[in-house]
């Protein structure tokens, strides 16, 4: 038997949606994330849906993003946006807080944060300063 996926450990669609929604709420609420928030449009509905769909498949649930948009090509899709260490860290601040607030299992918290750091760091397309 396979170990449960992140998707399953997060209680599937409902739990994952809560994390994505809290992530974007924090991005809009925290003054220290204004740079990363400015990279998004005024209406975050599409961003919320795309991140949810991507994470669903990425975490072992239904491949909603691929079914609708094809291969994620994450780095290529983010190249138009200036992403350096500051933007990465602002994104991670929001995601890490959402995880801390909504995920109770310390091991899962650690695994999620490590996964998100690797992915967010890979999105950087601006040199270190």
C-alpha atoms as a PDB file:
ATOM      1  CA  UNK A   1       0.000   0.000   0.000  1.00  0.00           C
ATOM      2  CA  UNK A   2       1.288   3.455  -0.884  1.00  0.00           C
ATOM      3  CA  UNK A   3       1.649   6.169   1.753  1.00  0.00           C
ATOM      4  CA  UNK A   4      -1.018   8.868   1.596  1.00  0.00           C
ATOM      5  CA  UNK A   5      -0.342  11.722  -0.805  1.00  0.00           C
ATOM      6  CA  UNK A   6      -0.098  15.333   0.329  1.00  0.00           C
ATOM      7  CA  UNK A   7      -3.509  15.810  -1.303  1.00  0.00           C
ATOM      8  CA  UNK A   8      -5.002  13.090   0.893  1.00  0.00           C
ATOM      9  CA  UNK A   9      -3.202  14.316   4.017  1.00  0.00           C
ATOM     10  CA  UNK A  10      -4.624  17.802   3.426  1.00  0.00           C
ATOM     11  CA  UNK A  11      -8.179  16.376   3.277  1.00  0.00           C
ATOM     12  CA  UNK A  12      -8.404  16.607  -0.488  1.00  0.00           C
ATOM     13  CA  UNK A  13     -10.089  19.400  -2.374  1.00  0.00           C
ATOM     14  CA  UNK A  14     -11.566  21.089   0.683  1.00  0.00           C
ATOM     15  CA  UNK A  15      -8.320  21.289   2.651  1.00  0.00           C
ATOM     16  CA  UNK A  16      -6.248  22.325  -0.339  1.00  0.00           C
ATOM     17  CA  UNK A  17      -8.738  25.037  -1.268  1.00  0.00           C
ATOM     18  CA  UNK A  18      -8.539  26.411   2.290  1.00  0.00           C
ATOM     19  CA  UNK A  19      -4.747  26.696   2.045  1.00  0.00           C
ATOM     20  CA  UNK A  20      -4.859  28.380  -1.370  1.00  0.00           C
ATOM     21  CA  UNK A  21      -7.539  30.842  -0.239  1.00  0.00           C
ATOM     22  CA  UNK A  22      -5.683  31.693   2.955  1.00  0.00           C
ATOM     23  CA  UNK A  23      -2.441  32.113   0.983  1.00  0.00           C
ATOM     24  CA  UNK A  24      -4.026  34.717  -1.296  1.00  0.00           C
ATOM     25  CA  UNK A  25      -5.843  36.403   1.592  1.00  0.00           C
ATOM     26  CA  UNK A  26      -2.499  36.823   3.354  1.00  0.00           C
ATOM     27  CA  UNK A  27      -0.894  38.160   0.188  1.00  0.00           C
ATOM     28  CA  UNK A  28      -3.523  40.892   0.132  1.00  0.00           C
ATOM     29  CA  UNK A  29      -3.399  41.569   3.888  1.00  0.00           C
ATOM     30  CA  UNK A  30       0.310  41.669   4.708  1.00  0.00           C
ATOM     31  CA  UNK A  31       2.049  44.983   3.979  1.00  0.00           C
ATOM     32  CA  UNK A  32       5.390  43.195   3.645  1.00  0.00           C
ATOM     33  CA  UNK A  33       4.095  41.278   0.611  1.00  0.00           C
ATOM     34  CA  UNK A  34       3.052  44.280  -1.474  1.00  0.00           C
ATOM     35  CA  UNK A  35       5.707  43.610  -4.128  1.00  0.00           C
ATOM     36  CA  UNK A  36       4.491  40.093  -4.872  1.00  0.00           C
ATOM     37  CA  UNK A  37       0.851  41.171  -4.622  1.00  0.00           C
ATOM     38  CA  UNK A  38       1.475  43.853  -7.257  1.00  0.00           C
ATOM     39  CA  UNK A  39       2.559  41.132  -9.704  1.00  0.00           C
ATOM     40  CA  UNK A  40      -1.013  39.795  -9.631  1.00  0.00           C
ATOM     41  CA  UNK A  41      -4.129  41.404 -11.061  1.00  0.00           C
ATOM     42  CA  UNK A  42      -6.675  43.196  -8.918  1.00  0.00           C
ATOM     43  CA  UNK A  43      -8.983  40.166  -9.016  1.00  0.00           C
ATOM     44  CA  UNK A  44      -7.304  37.057  -7.614  1.00  0.00           C
ATOM     45  CA  UNK A  45     -10.041  34.617  -8.667  1.00  0.00           C
ATOM     46  CA  UNK A  46      -8.112  33.204 -11.628  1.00  0.00           C
ATOM     47  CA  UNK A  47      -4.866  33.018  -9.647  1.00  0.00           C
ATOM     48  CA  UNK A  48      -6.628  31.161  -6.838  1.00  0.00           C
ATOM     49  CA  UNK A  49      -8.167  28.681  -9.254  1.00  0.00           C
ATOM     50  CA  UNK A  50      -4.965  28.055 -11.185  1.00  0.00           C
ATOM     51  CA  UNK A  51      -2.882  27.504  -8.051  1.00  0.00           C
ATOM     52  CA  UNK A  52      -5.526  25.179  -6.635  1.00  0.00           C
ATOM     53  CA  UNK A  53      -5.692  23.184  -9.871  1.00  0.00           C
ATOM     54  CA  UNK A  54      -1.907  22.978 -10.120  1.00  0.00           C
ATOM     55  CA  UNK A  55      -1.449  21.901  -6.500  1.00  0.00           C
ATOM     56  CA  UNK A  56      -4.193  19.302  -6.830  1.00  0.00           C
ATOM     57  CA  UNK A  57      -2.161  17.345  -9.365  1.00  0.00           C
ATOM     58  CA  UNK A  58       1.231  18.274  -7.893  1.00  0.00           C
ATOM     59  CA  UNK A  59       0.165  16.853  -4.532  1.00  0.00           C
ATOM     60  CA  UNK A  60      -1.289  13.607  -5.906  1.00  0.00           C
ATOM     61  CA  UNK A  61      -4.916  14.540  -6.461  1.00  0.00           C
ATOM     62  CA  UNK A  62      -6.768  15.030  -9.742  1.00  0.00           C
ATOM     63  CA  UNK A  63      -4.627  16.567 -12.514  1.00  0.00           C
ATOM     64  CA  UNK A  64      -7.000  19.496 -12.979  1.00  0.00           C
ATOM     65  CA  UNK A  65      -4.401  21.962 -14.234  1.00  0.00           C
ATOM     66  CA  UNK A  66      -2.971  19.622 -16.871  1.00  0.00           C
ATOM     67  CA  UNK A  67      -6.462  18.665 -18.052  1.00  0.00           C
ATOM     68  CA  UNK A  68      -7.350  22.327 -18.624  1.00  0.00           C
ATOM     69  CA  UNK A  69      -4.067  24.028 -19.538  1.00  0.00           C
ATOM     70  CA  UNK A  70      -1.592  21.288 -20.449  1.00  0.00           C
ATOM     71  CA  UNK A  71       1.834  20.830 -18.899  1.00  0.00           C
ATOM     72  CA  UNK A  72       2.416  23.427 -16.152  1.00  0.00           C
ATOM     73  CA  UNK A  73       5.838  24.594 -17.431  1.00  0.00           C
ATOM     74  CA  UNK A  74       6.055  26.547 -14.182  1.00  0.00           C
ATOM     75  CA  UNK A  75       9.340  28.308 -14.795  1.00  0.00           C
ATOM     76  CA  UNK A  76       8.426  29.310 -18.344  1.00  0.00           C
ATOM     77  CA  UNK A  77       5.017  30.621 -17.279  1.00  0.00           C
ATOM     78  CA  UNK A  78       6.648  32.776 -14.596  1.00  0.00           C
ATOM     79  CA  UNK A  79       9.425  34.244 -16.758  1.00  0.00           C
ATOM     80  CA  UNK A  80       7.439  37.413 -17.606  1.00  0.00           C
ATOM     81  CA  UNK A  81       7.409  38.309 -13.906  1.00  0.00           C
ATOM     82  CA  UNK A  82      10.490  39.607 -12.068  1.00  0.00           C
ATOM     83  CA  UNK A  83      11.127  37.012  -9.380  1.00  0.00           C
ATOM     84  CA  UNK A  84      14.182  37.404  -7.195  1.00  0.00           C
ATOM     85  CA  UNK A  85      14.899  36.365  -3.642  1.00  0.00           C
ATOM     86  CA  UNK A  86      12.639  39.096  -2.200  1.00  0.00           C
ATOM     87  CA  UNK A  87       9.652  37.984  -4.293  1.00  0.00           C
ATOM     88  CA  UNK A  88      10.341  34.335  -3.495  1.00  0.00           C
ATOM     89  CA  UNK A  89      10.509  35.133   0.207  1.00  0.00           C
ATOM     90  CA  UNK A  90       7.281  37.154   0.137  1.00  0.00           C
ATOM     91  CA  UNK A  91       5.493  34.294  -1.635  1.00  0.00           C
ATOM     92  CA  UNK A  92       6.861  31.837   0.918  1.00  0.00           C
ATOM     93  CA  UNK A  93       5.848  34.076   3.820  1.00  0.00           C
ATOM     94  CA  UNK A  94       2.224  33.832   2.709  1.00  0.00           C
ATOM     95  CA  UNK A  95       2.339  30.102   1.994  1.00  0.00           C
ATOM     96  CA  UNK A  96       4.189  29.235   5.181  1.00  0.00           C
ATOM     97  CA  UNK A  97       1.718  31.228   7.298  1.00  0.00           C
ATOM     98  CA  UNK A  98      -1.228  29.555   5.578  1.00  0.00           C
ATOM     99  CA  UNK A  99       0.324  26.160   6.269  1.00  0.00           C
ATOM    100  CA  UNK A 100       1.090  27.046   9.896  1.00  0.00           C
ATOM    101  CA  UNK A 101      -2.509  28.178  10.419  1.00  0.00           C
ATOM    102  CA  UNK A 102      -4.247  25.289   8.678  1.00  0.00           C
ATOM    103  CA  UNK A 103      -2.088  22.153   8.906  1.00  0.00           C
ATOM    104  CA  UNK A 104      -1.858  20.426  12.261  1.00  0.00           C
ATOM    105  CA  UNK A 105       0.643  17.631  11.591  1.00  0.00           C
ATOM    106  CA  UNK A 106       4.207  18.940  12.252  1.00  0.00           C
ATOM    107  CA  UNK A 107       5.804  16.447   9.859  1.00  0.00           C
ATOM    108  CA  UNK A 108       3.419  17.409   7.058  1.00  0.00           C
ATOM    109  CA  UNK A 109       4.060  21.107   7.790  1.00  0.00           C
ATOM    110  CA  UNK A 110       7.801  20.517   7.433  1.00  0.00           C
ATOM    111  CA  UNK A 111       7.410  18.492   4.236  1.00  0.00           C
ATOM    112  CA  UNK A 112       5.116  21.069   2.642  1.00  0.00           C
ATOM    113  CA  UNK A 113       7.400  23.963   3.514  1.00  0.00           C
ATOM    114  CA  UNK A 114      10.416  22.154   2.080  1.00  0.00           C
ATOM    115  CA  UNK A 115       8.511  21.329  -1.115  1.00  0.00           C
ATOM    116  CA  UNK A 116       7.288  24.895  -1.517  1.00  0.00           C
ATOM    117  CA  UNK A 117      10.743  26.342  -0.876  1.00  0.00           C
ATOM    118  CA  UNK A 118      12.318  24.197  -3.602  1.00  0.00           C
ATOM    119  CA  UNK A 119       9.568  25.107  -6.060  1.00  0.00           C
ATOM    120  CA  UNK A 120       9.558  28.822  -5.222  1.00  0.00           C
ATOM    121  CA  UNK A 121      13.337  28.991  -5.391  1.00  0.00           C
ATOM    122  CA  UNK A 122      13.223  27.381  -8.835  1.00  0.00           C
ATOM    123  CA  UNK A 123      10.935  30.200 -10.025  1.00  0.00           C
ATOM    124  CA  UNK A 124      13.606  32.853  -9.434  1.00  0.00           C
ATOM    125  CA  UNK A 125      14.608  34.524 -12.678  1.00  0.00           C
ATOM    126  CA  UNK A 126      16.539  37.525 -11.346  1.00  0.00           C
ATOM    127  CA  UNK A 127      20.139  37.357 -10.127  1.00  0.00           C
ATOM    128  CA  UNK A 128      21.024  37.469  -6.460  1.00  0.00           C
ATOM    129  CA  UNK A 129      21.831  40.936  -5.184  1.00  0.00           C
END
